[in-house]
PDB file of N, CA and C in Angstrom:
ATOM      1  N   UNK A   1       0.840  -1.183   0.000  1.00  0.00           N
ATOM      2  CA  UNK A   1       0.000   0.000   0.000  1.00  0.00           C
ATOM      3  C   UNK A   1       0.883   1.244   0.000  1.00  0.00           C
ATOM      4  N   UNK A   2       0.563   2.177  -0.886  1.00  0.00           N
ATOM      5  CA  UNK A   2       1.315   3.424  -0.998  1.00  0.00           C
ATOM      6  C   UNK A   2       0.410   4.578  -0.600  1.00  0.00           C
ATOM      7  N   UNK A   3       0.913   5.425   0.283  1.00  0.00           N
ATOM      8  CA  UNK A   3       0.155   6.596   0.717  1.00  0.00           C
ATOM      9  C   UNK A   3       0.837   7.837   0.158  1.00  0.00           C
ATOM     10  N   UNK A   4       0.062   8.712  -0.423  1.00  0.00           N
ATOM     11  CA  UNK A   4       0.596   9.945  -1.000  1.00  0.00           C
ATOM     12  C   UNK A   4      -0.094  11.136  -0.362  1.00  0.00           C
ATOM     13  N   UNK A   5       0.695  12.189  -0.104  1.00  0.00           N
ATOM     14  CA  UNK A   5       0.124  13.380   0.501  1.00  0.00           C
ATOM     15  C   UNK A   5       0.765  14.604  -0.145  1.00  0.00           C
ATOM     16  N   UNK A   6      -0.046  15.507  -0.653  1.00  0.00           N
ATOM     17  CA  UNK A   6       0.454  16.753  -1.216  1.00  0.00           C
ATOM     18  C   UNK A   6       0.400  17.838  -0.156  1.00  0.00           C
ATOM     19  N   UNK A   7       1.500  18.538   0.006  1.00  0.00           N
ATOM     20  CA  UNK A   7       1.564  19.636   0.968  1.00  0.00           C
ATOM     21  C   UNK A   7       1.805  20.922   0.182  1.00  0.00           C
ATOM     22  N   UNK A   8       0.874  21.845   0.276  1.00  0.00           N
ATOM     23  CA  UNK A   8       0.997  23.114  -0.425  1.00  0.00           C
ATOM     24  C   UNK A   8       1.678  24.122   0.502  1.00  0.00           C
ATOM     25  N   UNK A   9       2.582  24.920  -0.054  1.00  0.00           N
ATOM     26  CA  UNK A   9       3.240  25.930   0.783  1.00  0.00           C
ATOM     27  C   UNK A   9       2.255  27.022   1.202  1.00  0.00           C
ATOM     28  N   UNK A  10       2.494  27.607   2.349  1.00  0.00           N
ATOM     29  CA  UNK A  10       1.656  28.694   2.835  1.00  0.00           C
ATOM     30  C   UNK A  10       2.310  30.011   2.431  1.00  0.00           C
ATOM     31  N   UNK A  11       1.557  30.853   1.751  1.00  0.00           N
ATOM     32  CA  UNK A  11       2.077  32.147   1.322  1.00  0.00           C
ATOM     33  C   UNK A  11       1.914  33.133   2.473  1.00  0.00           C
ATOM     34  N   UNK A  12       3.014  33.742   2.876  1.00  0.00           N
ATOM     35  CA  UNK A  12       2.996  34.696   3.987  1.00  0.00           C
ATOM     36  C   UNK A  12       2.874  36.134   3.510  1.00  0.00           C
ATOM     37  N   UNK A  13       3.305  36.396   2.278  1.00  0.00           N
ATOM     38  CA  UNK A  13       3.259  37.752   1.749  1.00  0.00           C
ATOM     39  C   UNK A  13       3.700  37.750   0.299  1.00  0.00           C
ATOM     40  N   UNK A  14       3.618  38.917  -0.342  1.00  0.00           N
ATOM     41  CA  UNK A  14       4.010  39.010  -1.746  1.00  0.00           C
ATOM     42  C   UNK A  14       4.710  40.338  -2.004  1.00  0.00           C
ATOM     43  N   UNK A  15       5.723  40.289  -2.851  1.00  0.00           N
ATOM     44  CA  UNK A  15       6.428  41.482  -3.307  1.00  0.00           C
ATOM     45  C   UNK A  15       6.303  41.526  -4.824  1.00  0.00           C
ATOM     46  N   UNK A  16       5.881  42.675  -5.341  1.00  0.00           N
ATOM     47  CA  UNK A  16       5.678  42.838  -6.777  1.00  0.00           C
ATOM     48  C   UNK A  16       6.475  44.049  -7.240  1.00  0.00           C
ATOM     49  N   UNK A  17       7.184  43.911  -8.368  1.00  0.00           N
ATOM     50  CA  UNK A  17       7.806  45.065  -9.012  1.00  0.00           C
ATOM     51  C   UNK A  17       7.116  45.252 -10.354  1.00  0.00           C
ATOM     52  N   UNK A  18       6.750  46.487 -10.653  1.00  0.00           N
ATOM     53  CA  UNK A  18       6.014  46.746 -11.884  1.00  0.00           C
ATOM     54  C   UNK A  18       6.298  48.149 -12.400  1.00  0.00           C
ATOM     55  N   UNK A  19       6.371  48.259 -13.721  1.00  0.00           N
ATOM     56  CA  UNK A  19       6.477  49.576 -14.327  1.00  0.00           C
ATOM     57  C   UNK A  19       5.161  50.306 -14.087  1.00  0.00           C
ATOM     58  N   UNK A  20       5.243  51.569 -13.753  1.00  0.00           N
ATOM     59  CA  UNK A  20       4.041  52.356 -13.513  1.00  0.00           C
ATOM     60  C   UNK A  20       3.528  52.281 -12.092  1.00  0.00           C
ATOM     61  N   UNK A  21       4.183  51.513 -11.241  1.00  0.00           N
ATOM     62  CA  UNK A  21       3.715  51.351  -9.860  1.00  0.00           C
ATOM     63  C   UNK A  21       3.896  52.619  -9.036  1.00  0.00           C
ATOM     64  N   UNK A  22       4.559  53.613  -9.600  1.00  0.00           N
ATOM     65  CA  UNK A  22       4.703  54.893  -8.912  1.00  0.00           C
ATOM     66  C   UNK A  22       3.343  55.601  -8.829  1.00  0.00           C
ATOM     67  N   UNK A  23       2.478  55.315  -9.806  1.00  0.00           N
ATOM     68  CA  UNK A  23       1.124  55.871  -9.840  1.00  0.00           C
ATOM     69  C   UNK A  23       0.286  55.153  -8.782  1.00  0.00           C
ATOM     70  N   UNK A  24      -0.291  55.899  -7.860  1.00  0.00           N
ATOM     71  CA  UNK A  24      -1.021  55.301  -6.729  1.00  0.00           C
ATOM     72  C   UNK A  24      -2.219  54.473  -7.191  1.00  0.00           C
ATOM     73  N   UNK A  25      -2.876  54.875  -8.277  1.00  0.00           N
ATOM     74  CA  UNK A  25      -4.028  54.111  -8.776  1.00  0.00           C
ATOM     75  C   UNK A  25      -3.601  52.750  -9.316  1.00  0.00           C
ATOM     76  N   UNK A  26      -2.496  52.723 -10.046  1.00  0.00           N
ATOM     77  CA  UNK A  26      -1.980  51.455 -10.574  1.00  0.00           C
ATOM     78  C   UNK A  26      -1.511  50.568  -9.428  1.00  0.00           C
ATOM     79  N   UNK A  27      -0.816  51.172  -8.474  1.00  0.00           N
ATOM     80  CA  UNK A  27      -0.322  50.426  -7.311  1.00  0.00           C
ATOM     81  C   UNK A  27      -1.487  49.790  -6.543  1.00  0.00           C
ATOM     82  N   UNK A  28      -2.550  50.549  -6.349  1.00  0.00           N
ATOM     83  CA  UNK A  28      -3.724  50.041  -5.641  1.00  0.00           C
ATOM     84  C   UNK A  28      -4.375  48.898  -6.416  1.00  0.00           C
ATOM     85  N   UNK A  29      -4.475  49.041  -7.731  1.00  0.00           N
ATOM     86  CA  UNK A  29      -5.047  47.974  -8.560  1.00  0.00           C
ATOM     87  C   UNK A  29      -4.227  46.690  -8.463  1.00  0.00           C
ATOM     88  N   UNK A  30      -2.905  46.827  -8.458  1.00  0.00           N
ATOM     89  CA  UNK A  30      -2.024  45.651  -8.350  1.00  0.00           C
ATOM     90  C   UNK A  30      -2.209  44.981  -7.000  1.00  0.00           C
ATOM     91  N   UNK A  31      -2.224  45.767  -5.929  1.00  0.00           N
ATOM     92  CA  UNK A  31      -2.411  45.214  -4.578  1.00  0.00           C
ATOM     93  C   UNK A  31      -3.743  44.476  -4.498  1.00  0.00           C
ATOM     94  N   UNK A  32      -4.795  45.086  -5.020  1.00  0.00           N
ATOM     95  CA  UNK A  32      -6.118  44.443  -4.981  1.00  0.00           C
ATOM     96  C   UNK A  32      -6.144  43.147  -5.782  1.00  0.00           C
ATOM     97  N   UNK A  33      -5.500  43.144  -6.943  1.00  0.00           N
ATOM     98  CA  UNK A  33      -5.478  41.940  -7.781  1.00  0.00           C
ATOM     99  C   UNK A  33      -4.720  40.805  -7.095  1.00  0.00           C
ATOM    100  N   UNK A  34      -3.546  41.110  -6.559  1.00  0.00           N
ATOM    101  CA  UNK A  34      -2.746  40.076  -5.887  1.00  0.00           C
ATOM    102  C   UNK A  34      -3.485  39.557  -4.658  1.00  0.00           C
ATOM    103  N   UNK A  35      -4.096  40.449  -3.929  1.00  0.00           N
ATOM    104  CA  UNK A  35      -4.858  40.052  -2.742  1.00  0.00           C
ATOM    105  C   UNK A  35      -6.019  39.131  -3.120  1.00  0.00           C
ATOM    106  N   UNK A  36      -6.719  39.455  -4.196  1.00  0.00           N
ATOM    107  CA  UNK A  36      -7.863  38.642  -4.624  1.00  0.00           C
ATOM    108  C   UNK A  36      -7.430  37.249  -5.077  1.00  0.00           C
ATOM    109  N   UNK A  37      -6.319  37.172  -5.795  1.00  0.00           N
ATOM    110  CA  UNK A  37      -5.862  35.887  -6.334  1.00  0.00           C
ATOM    111  C   UNK A  37      -5.274  34.992  -5.250  1.00  0.00           C
ATOM    112  N   UNK A  38      -4.513  35.594  -4.335  1.00  0.00           N
ATOM    113  CA  UNK A  38      -3.802  34.789  -3.329  1.00  0.00           C
ATOM    114  C   UNK A  38      -4.563  34.618  -2.023  1.00  0.00           C
ATOM    115  N   UNK A  39      -5.513  35.516  -1.760  1.00  0.00           N
ATOM    116  CA  UNK A  39      -6.216  35.478  -0.479  1.00  0.00           C
ATOM    117  C   UNK A  39      -5.459  36.183   0.625  1.00  0.00           C
ATOM    118  N   UNK A  40      -4.356  36.841   0.273  1.00  0.00           N
ATOM    119  CA  UNK A  40      -3.578  37.582   1.263  1.00  0.00           C
ATOM    120  C   UNK A  40      -4.280  38.878   1.642  1.00  0.00           C
ATOM    121  N   UNK A  41      -4.073  39.308   2.877  1.00  0.00           N
ATOM    122  CA  UNK A  41      -4.560  40.624   3.279  1.00  0.00           C
ATOM    123  C   UNK A  41      -3.768  41.675   2.511  1.00  0.00           C
ATOM    124  N   UNK A  42      -4.394  42.794   2.207  1.00  0.00           N
ATOM    125  CA  UNK A  42      -3.744  43.832   1.412  1.00  0.00           C
ATOM    126  C   UNK A  42      -2.457  44.346   2.055  1.00  0.00           C
ATOM    127  N   UNK A  43      -2.402  44.381   3.387  1.00  0.00           N
ATOM    128  CA  UNK A  43      -1.198  44.888   4.042  1.00  0.00           C
ATOM    129  C   UNK A  43      -0.008  43.929   3.892  1.00  0.00           C
ATOM    130  N   UNK A  44      -0.247  42.724   3.417  1.00  0.00           N
ATOM    131  CA  UNK A  44       0.833  41.756   3.208  1.00  0.00           C
ATOM    132  C   UNK A  44       1.363  41.757   1.776  1.00  0.00           C
ATOM    133  N   UNK A  45       0.867  42.699   0.962  1.00  0.00           N
ATOM    134  CA  UNK A  45       1.309  42.818  -0.440  1.00  0.00           C
ATOM    135  C   UNK A  45       2.056  44.127  -0.596  1.00  0.00           C
ATOM    136  N   UNK A  46       3.300  44.058  -1.035  1.00  0.00           N
ATOM    137  CA  UNK A  46       4.120  45.249  -1.267  1.00  0.00           C
ATOM    138  C   UNK A  46       4.359  45.406  -2.757  1.00  0.00           C
ATOM    139  N   UNK A  47       4.181  46.615  -3.268  1.00  0.00           N
ATOM    140  CA  UNK A  47       4.392  46.893  -4.690  1.00  0.00           C
ATOM    141  C   UNK A  47       5.442  47.996  -4.803  1.00  0.00           C
ATOM    142  N   UNK A  48       6.442  47.743  -5.651  1.00  0.00           N
ATOM    143  CA  UNK A  48       7.530  48.689  -5.866  1.00  0.00           C
ATOM    144  C   UNK A  48       7.654  49.039  -7.334  1.00  0.00           C
ATOM    145  N   UNK A  49       8.116  50.243  -7.613  1.00  0.00           N
ATOM    146  CA  UNK A  49       8.367  50.707  -8.977  1.00  0.00           C
ATOM    147  C   UNK A  49       9.532  49.947  -9.566  1.00  0.00           C
ATOM    148  N   UNK A  50       9.338  49.408 -10.767  1.00  0.00           N
ATOM    149  CA  UNK A  50      10.415  48.739 -11.483  1.00  0.00           C
ATOM    150  C   UNK A  50      11.197  49.802 -12.234  1.00  0.00           C
ATOM    151  N   UNK A  51      12.504  49.799 -12.031  1.00  0.00           N
ATOM    152  CA  UNK A  51      13.337  50.824 -12.677  1.00  0.00           C
ATOM    153  C   UNK A  51      14.093  50.281 -13.838  1.00  0.00           C
TER     154      UNK A  51
END
């Protein structure tokens, strides 16, 4: 008998770099999108301007 178990990693937070993230509206949209997809609280998502 073989027993198999999948263990998924727990995401603690997210860091995103994006062009245009200096614009607060774009930054907010990115935070909301990442939060919706991952289930993370918005304060656990950091967005930085890609240079």
